[in-house]
């Protein structure tokens, strides 16, 4: 897992203005253990989420 505090510190280093708190989003990774391309053909699918994925940190600007 990622250290959220260090992620926020790096965000402020790059973009400055630590008075506006950014929003953090996380999308977990996904894997299909069986059933690639079979779900739309009526087959069985066994998807699972992973504990790693993509993080997105954003905030509003006036620029």
PDB file of N, CA and C in Angstrom:
ATOM      1  N   UNK A   1       0.835  -1.192   0.000  1.00  0.00           N
ATOM      2  CA  UNK A   1       0.000   0.000   0.000  1.00  0.00           C
ATOM      3  C   UNK A   1       0.870   1.243   0.000  1.00  0.00           C
ATOM      4  N   UNK A   2       0.324   2.299  -0.497  1.00  0.00           N
ATOM      5  CA  UNK A   2       1.032   3.567  -0.593  1.00  0.00           C
ATOM      6  C   UNK A   2       0.851   4.373   0.692  1.00  0.00           C
ATOM      7  N   UNK A   3       1.864   5.118   1.066  1.00  0.00           N
ATOM      8  CA  UNK A   3       1.793   5.988   2.229  1.00  0.00           C
ATOM      9  C   UNK A   3       1.096   7.282   1.799  1.00  0.00           C
ATOM     10  N   UNK A   4      -0.129   7.482   2.262  1.00  0.00           N
ATOM     11  CA  UNK A   4      -0.935   8.621   1.817  1.00  0.00           C
ATOM     12  C   UNK A   4      -0.342   9.954   2.253  1.00  0.00           C
ATOM     13  N   UNK A   5       0.299   9.980   3.414  1.00  0.00           N
ATOM     14  CA  UNK A   5       0.921  11.225   3.894  1.00  0.00           C
ATOM     15  C   UNK A   5       2.057  11.651   2.966  1.00  0.00           C
ATOM     16  N   UNK A   6       2.905  10.718   2.565  1.00  0.00           N
ATOM     17  CA  UNK A   6       4.005  11.070   1.664  1.00  0.00           C
ATOM     18  C   UNK A   6       3.478  11.409   0.265  1.00  0.00           C
ATOM     19  N   UNK A   7       2.386  10.786  -0.146  1.00  0.00           N
ATOM     20  CA  UNK A   7       1.773  11.143  -1.426  1.00  0.00           C
ATOM     21  C   UNK A   7       1.285  12.589  -1.397  1.00  0.00           C
ATOM     22  N   UNK A   8       0.650  12.980  -0.298  1.00  0.00           N
ATOM     23  CA  UNK A   8       0.168  14.353  -0.161  1.00  0.00           C
ATOM     24  C   UNK A   8       1.333  15.340  -0.087  1.00  0.00           C
ATOM     25  N   UNK A   9       2.397  14.992   0.607  1.00  0.00           N
ATOM     26  CA  UNK A   9       3.575  15.861   0.679  1.00  0.00           C
ATOM     27  C   UNK A   9       4.200  16.058  -0.698  1.00  0.00           C
ATOM     28  N   UNK A  10       4.286  14.986  -1.472  1.00  0.00           N
ATOM     29  CA  UNK A  10       4.820  15.085  -2.834  1.00  0.00           C
ATOM     30  C   UNK A  10       3.913  15.937  -3.718  1.00  0.00           C
ATOM     31  N   UNK A  11       2.608  15.814  -3.531  1.00  0.00           N
ATOM     32  CA  UNK A  11       1.650  16.638  -4.273  1.00  0.00           C
ATOM     33  C   UNK A  11       1.902  18.117  -3.999  1.00  0.00           C
ATOM     34  N   UNK A  12       2.086  18.478  -2.721  1.00  0.00           N
ATOM     35  CA  UNK A  12       2.341  19.873  -2.356  1.00  0.00           C
ATOM     36  C   UNK A  12       3.690  20.352  -2.877  1.00  0.00           C
ATOM     37  N   UNK A  13       4.687  19.466  -2.914  1.00  0.00           N
ATOM     38  CA  UNK A  13       5.995  19.852  -3.461  1.00  0.00           C
ATOM     39  C   UNK A  13       5.883  20.219  -4.938  1.00  0.00           C
ATOM     40  N   UNK A  14       5.104  19.452  -5.658  1.00  0.00           N
ATOM     41  CA  UNK A  14       4.978  19.668  -7.102  1.00  0.00           C
ATOM     42  C   UNK A  14       4.042  20.834  -7.419  1.00  0.00           C
ATOM     43  N   UNK A  15       2.890  20.890  -6.732  1.00  0.00           N
ATOM     44  CA  UNK A  15       1.854  21.856  -7.094  1.00  0.00           C
ATOM     45  C   UNK A  15       1.718  23.021  -6.120  1.00  0.00           C
ATOM     46  N   UNK A  16       2.395  22.972  -4.969  1.00  0.00           N
ATOM     47  CA  UNK A  16       2.354  24.076  -4.015  1.00  0.00           C
ATOM     48  C   UNK A  16       0.997  24.246  -3.350  1.00  0.00           C
ATOM     49  N   UNK A  17       0.827  25.394  -2.690  1.00  0.00           N
ATOM     50  CA  UNK A  17      -0.421  25.806  -2.044  1.00  0.00           C
ATOM     51  C   UNK A  17      -1.023  24.711  -1.162  1.00  0.00           C
ATOM     52  N   UNK A  18      -0.400  24.520  -0.003  1.00  0.00           N
ATOM     53  CA  UNK A  18      -0.899  23.474   0.896  1.00  0.00           C
ATOM     54  C   UNK A  18      -2.099  23.923   1.731  1.00  0.00           C
ATOM     55  N   UNK A  19      -2.689  25.063   1.384  1.00  0.00           N
ATOM     56  CA  UNK A  19      -3.890  25.521   2.091  1.00  0.00           C
ATOM     57  C   UNK A  19      -5.154  24.884   1.519  1.00  0.00           C
ATOM     58  N   UNK A  20      -5.095  24.441   0.268  1.00  0.00           N
ATOM     59  CA  UNK A  20      -6.230  23.749  -0.350  1.00  0.00           C
ATOM     60  C   UNK A  20      -5.966  22.249  -0.302  1.00  0.00           C
ATOM     61  N   UNK A  21      -6.826  21.541   0.386  1.00  0.00           N
ATOM     62  CA  UNK A  21      -6.651  20.089   0.547  1.00  0.00           C
ATOM     63  C   UNK A  21      -7.134  19.374  -0.714  1.00  0.00           C
ATOM     64  N   UNK A  22      -6.309  18.490  -1.273  1.00  0.00           N
ATOM     65  CA  UNK A  22      -6.729  17.762  -2.474  1.00  0.00           C
ATOM     66  C   UNK A  22      -7.660  16.597  -2.121  1.00  0.00           C
ATOM     67  N   UNK A  23      -8.420  16.164  -3.110  1.00  0.00           N
ATOM     68  CA  UNK A  23      -9.272  14.984  -2.984  1.00  0.00           C
ATOM     69  C   UNK A  23      -8.470  13.770  -3.445  1.00  0.00           C
ATOM     70  N   UNK A  24      -8.679  12.646  -2.794  1.00  0.00           N
ATOM     71  CA  UNK A  24      -7.970  11.431  -3.145  1.00  0.00           C
ATOM     72  C   UNK A  24      -8.967  10.385  -3.618  1.00  0.00           C
ATOM     73  N   UNK A  25      -8.680   9.779  -4.766  1.00  0.00           N
ATOM     74  CA  UNK A  25      -9.509   8.712  -5.322  1.00  0.00           C
ATOM     75  C   UNK A  25      -8.646   7.471  -5.525  1.00  0.00           C
ATOM     76  N   UNK A  26      -9.263   6.317  -5.396  1.00  0.00           N
ATOM     77  CA  UNK A  26      -8.548   5.057  -5.596  1.00  0.00           C
ATOM     78  C   UNK A  26      -9.417   4.107  -6.404  1.00  0.00           C
ATOM     79  N   UNK A  27      -8.840   3.524  -7.432  1.00  0.00           N
ATOM     80  CA  UNK A  27      -9.526   2.510  -8.235  1.00  0.00           C
ATOM     81  C   UNK A  27      -8.740   1.212  -8.115  1.00  0.00           C
ATOM     82  N   UNK A  28      -9.311   0.185  -7.486  1.00  0.00           N
ATOM     83  CA  UNK A  28      -8.569  -1.066  -7.320  1.00  0.00           C
ATOM     84  C   UNK A  28      -8.375  -1.784  -8.651  1.00  0.00           C
ATOM     85  N   UNK A  29      -7.302  -2.537  -8.709  1.00  0.00           N
ATOM     86  CA  UNK A  29      -7.073  -3.354  -9.887  1.00  0.00           C
ATOM     87  C   UNK A  29      -8.079  -4.495  -9.923  1.00  0.00           C
ATOM     88  N   UNK A  30      -8.262  -5.097 -11.094  1.00  0.00           N
ATOM     89  CA  UNK A  30      -9.229  -6.185 -11.254  1.00  0.00           C
ATOM     90  C   UNK A  30      -8.604  -7.261 -12.119  1.00  0.00           C
ATOM     91  N   UNK A  31      -8.912  -8.485 -11.789  1.00  0.00           N
ATOM     92  CA  UNK A  31      -8.433  -9.614 -12.574  1.00  0.00           C
ATOM     93  C   UNK A  31      -9.587 -10.600 -12.747  1.00  0.00           C
ATOM     94  N   UNK A  32      -9.656 -11.214 -13.910  1.00  0.00           N
ATOM     95  CA  UNK A  32     -10.618 -12.296 -14.143  1.00  0.00           C
ATOM     96  C   UNK A  32      -9.857 -13.609 -14.040  1.00  0.00           C
ATOM     97  N   UNK A  33     -10.164 -14.388 -13.002  1.00  0.00           N
ATOM     98  CA  UNK A  33      -9.463 -15.657 -12.817  1.00  0.00           C
ATOM     99  C   UNK A  33      -9.865 -16.670 -13.882  1.00  0.00           C
ATOM    100  N   UNK A  34     -11.136 -16.660 -14.252  1.00  0.00           N
ATOM    101  CA  UNK A  34     -11.598 -17.443 -15.405  1.00  0.00           C
ATOM    102  C   UNK A  34     -12.592 -16.558 -16.161  1.00  0.00           C
ATOM    103  N   UNK A  35     -12.766 -16.808 -17.401  1.00  0.00           N
ATOM    104  CA  UNK A  35     -13.845 -16.162 -18.113  1.00  0.00           C
ATOM    105  C   UNK A  35     -13.504 -14.951 -18.949  1.00  0.00           C
ATOM    106  N   UNK A  36     -12.265 -14.780 -19.365  1.00  0.00           N
ATOM    107  CA  UNK A  36     -11.947 -13.673 -20.265  1.00  0.00           C
ATOM    108  C   UNK A  36     -12.802 -13.780 -21.527  1.00  0.00           C
ATOM    109  N   UNK A  37     -13.554 -12.774 -21.823  1.00  0.00           N
ATOM    110  CA  UNK A  37     -14.387 -12.673 -23.026  1.00  0.00           C
ATOM    111  C   UNK A  37     -15.488 -13.729 -23.091  1.00  0.00           C
ATOM    112  N   UNK A  38     -15.830 -14.333 -21.966  1.00  0.00           N
ATOM    113  CA  UNK A  38     -16.924 -15.301 -22.009  1.00  0.00           C
ATOM    114  C   UNK A  38     -18.207 -14.740 -21.416  1.00  0.00           C
ATOM    115  N   UNK A  39     -18.109 -13.657 -20.657  1.00  0.00           N
ATOM    116  CA  UNK A  39     -19.303 -13.119 -20.007  1.00  0.00           C
ATOM    117  C   UNK A  39     -20.342 -12.674 -21.021  1.00  0.00           C
ATOM    118  N   UNK A  40     -19.928 -12.073 -22.107  1.00  0.00           N
ATOM    119  CA  UNK A  40     -20.905 -11.626 -23.109  1.00  0.00           C
ATOM    120  C   UNK A  40     -21.305 -12.742 -24.063  1.00  0.00           C
ATOM    121  N   UNK A  41     -20.729 -13.929 -23.894  1.00  0.00           N
ATOM    122  CA  UNK A  41     -21.120 -15.105 -24.675  1.00  0.00           C
ATOM    123  C   UNK A  41     -21.903 -16.099 -23.834  1.00  0.00           C
ATOM    124  N   UNK A  42     -22.316 -15.674 -22.629  1.00  0.00           N
ATOM    125  CA  UNK A  42     -23.108 -16.542 -21.773  1.00  0.00           C
ATOM    126  C   UNK A  42     -22.288 -17.453 -20.881  1.00  0.00           C
ATOM    127  N   UNK A  43     -20.975 -17.274 -20.825  1.00  0.00           N
ATOM    128  CA  UNK A  43     -20.128 -18.129 -19.994  1.00  0.00           C
ATOM    129  C   UNK A  43     -19.997 -17.596 -18.572  1.00  0.00           C
ATOM    130  N   UNK A  44     -19.295 -18.342 -17.762  1.00  0.00           N
ATOM    131  CA  UNK A  44     -19.081 -17.950 -16.372  1.00  0.00           C
ATOM    132  C   UNK A  44     -17.842 -17.085 -16.243  1.00  0.00           C
ATOM    133  N   UNK A  45     -17.908 -16.139 -15.313  1.00  0.00           N
ATOM    134  CA  UNK A  45     -16.787 -15.238 -15.057  1.00  0.00           C
ATOM    135  C   UNK A  45     -16.525 -15.239 -13.560  1.00  0.00           C
ATOM    136  N   UNK A  46     -15.262 -15.209 -13.170  1.00  0.00           N
ATOM    137  CA  UNK A  46     -14.896 -15.159 -11.761  1.00  0.00           C
ATOM    138  C   UNK A  46     -13.922 -13.996 -11.561  1.00  0.00           C
ATOM    139  N   UNK A  47     -14.446 -12.737 -11.474  1.00  0.00           N
ATOM    140  CA  UNK A  47     -13.564 -11.586 -11.291  1.00  0.00           C
ATOM    141  C   UNK A  47     -13.161 -11.418  -9.827  1.00  0.00           C
ATOM    142  N   UNK A  48     -12.062 -10.740  -9.625  1.00  0.00           N
ATOM    143  CA  UNK A  48     -11.618 -10.436  -8.275  1.00  0.00           C
ATOM    144  C   UNK A  48     -10.907  -9.100  -8.244  1.00  0.00           C
ATOM    145  N   UNK A  49     -11.035  -8.394  -7.118  1.00  0.00           N
ATOM    146  CA  UNK A  49     -10.343  -7.124  -6.939  1.00  0.00           C
ATOM    147  C   UNK A  49      -8.969  -7.361  -6.335  1.00  0.00           C
ATOM    148  N   UNK A  50      -8.043  -6.484  -6.656  1.00  0.00           N
ATOM    149  CA  UNK A  50      -6.690  -6.548  -6.116  1.00  0.00           C
ATOM    150  C   UNK A  50      -6.514  -5.435  -5.095  1.00  0.00           C
ATOM    151  N   UNK A  51      -5.549  -5.590  -4.204  1.00  0.00           N
ATOM    152  CA  UNK A  51      -5.341  -4.557  -3.187  1.00  0.00           C
ATOM    153  C   UNK A  51      -4.395  -3.462  -3.660  1.00  0.00           C
ATOM    154  N   UNK A  52      -4.029  -3.459  -4.924  1.00  0.00           N
ATOM    155  CA  UNK A  52      -3.276  -2.348  -5.491  1.00  0.00           C
ATOM    156  C   UNK A  52      -4.023  -1.842  -6.711  1.00  0.00           C
ATOM    157  N   UNK A  53      -3.777  -0.607  -7.058  1.00  0.00           N
ATOM    158  CA  UNK A  53      -4.498  -0.019  -8.177  1.00  0.00           C
ATOM    159  C   UNK A  53      -3.955   1.357  -8.501  1.00  0.00           C
ATOM    160  N   UNK A  54      -4.831   2.229  -8.911  1.00  0.00           N
ATOM    161  CA  UNK A  54      -4.457   3.571  -9.337  1.00  0.00           C
ATOM    162  C   UNK A  54      -4.966   4.594  -8.344  1.00  0.00           C
ATOM    163  N   UNK A  55      -4.076   5.488  -7.931  1.00  0.00           N
ATOM    164  CA  UNK A  55      -4.438   6.599  -7.049  1.00  0.00           C
ATOM    165  C   UNK A  55      -4.509   7.869  -7.877  1.00  0.00           C
ATOM    166  N   UNK A  56      -5.451   8.738  -7.550  1.00  0.00           N
ATOM    167  CA  UNK A  56      -5.598  10.028  -8.215  1.00  0.00           C
ATOM    168  C   UNK A  56      -5.834  11.078  -7.143  1.00  0.00           C
ATOM    169  N   UNK A  57      -4.984  12.103  -7.133  1.00  0.00           N
ATOM    170  CA  UNK A  57      -5.132  13.194  -6.177  1.00  0.00           C
ATOM    171  C   UNK A  57      -5.357  14.470  -6.983  1.00  0.00           C
ATOM    172  N   UNK A  58      -6.451  15.159  -6.728  1.00  0.00           N
ATOM    173  CA  UNK A  58      -6.813  16.354  -7.501  1.00  0.00           C
ATOM    174  C   UNK A  58      -7.331  17.438  -6.542  1.00  0.00           C
ATOM    175  N   UNK A  59      -7.282  18.655  -7.032  1.00  0.00           N
ATOM    176  CA  UNK A  59      -7.902  19.756  -6.312  1.00  0.00           C
ATOM    177  C   UNK A  59      -8.273  20.848  -7.297  1.00  0.00           C
ATOM    178  N   UNK A  60      -9.192  21.683  -6.893  1.00  0.00           N
ATOM    179  CA  UNK A  60      -9.659  22.791  -7.715  1.00  0.00           C
ATOM    180  C   UNK A  60      -8.615  23.900  -7.725  1.00  0.00           C
ATOM    181  N   UNK A  61      -8.468  24.551  -8.869  1.00  0.00           N
ATOM    182  CA  UNK A  61      -7.576  25.709  -8.975  1.00  0.00           C
ATOM    183  C   UNK A  61      -8.337  26.890  -9.544  1.00  0.00           C
ATOM    184  N   UNK A  62      -7.786  28.044  -9.374  1.00  0.00           N
ATOM    185  CA  UNK A  62      -8.375  29.259  -9.935  1.00  0.00           C
ATOM    186  C   UNK A  62      -7.555  29.779 -11.104  1.00  0.00           C
ATOM    187  N   UNK A  63      -6.691  28.964 -11.634  1.00  0.00           N
ATOM    188  CA  UNK A  63      -5.808  29.396 -12.728  1.00  0.00           C
ATOM    189  C   UNK A  63      -6.417  29.114 -14.066  1.00  0.00           C
TER     190      UNK A  63
END
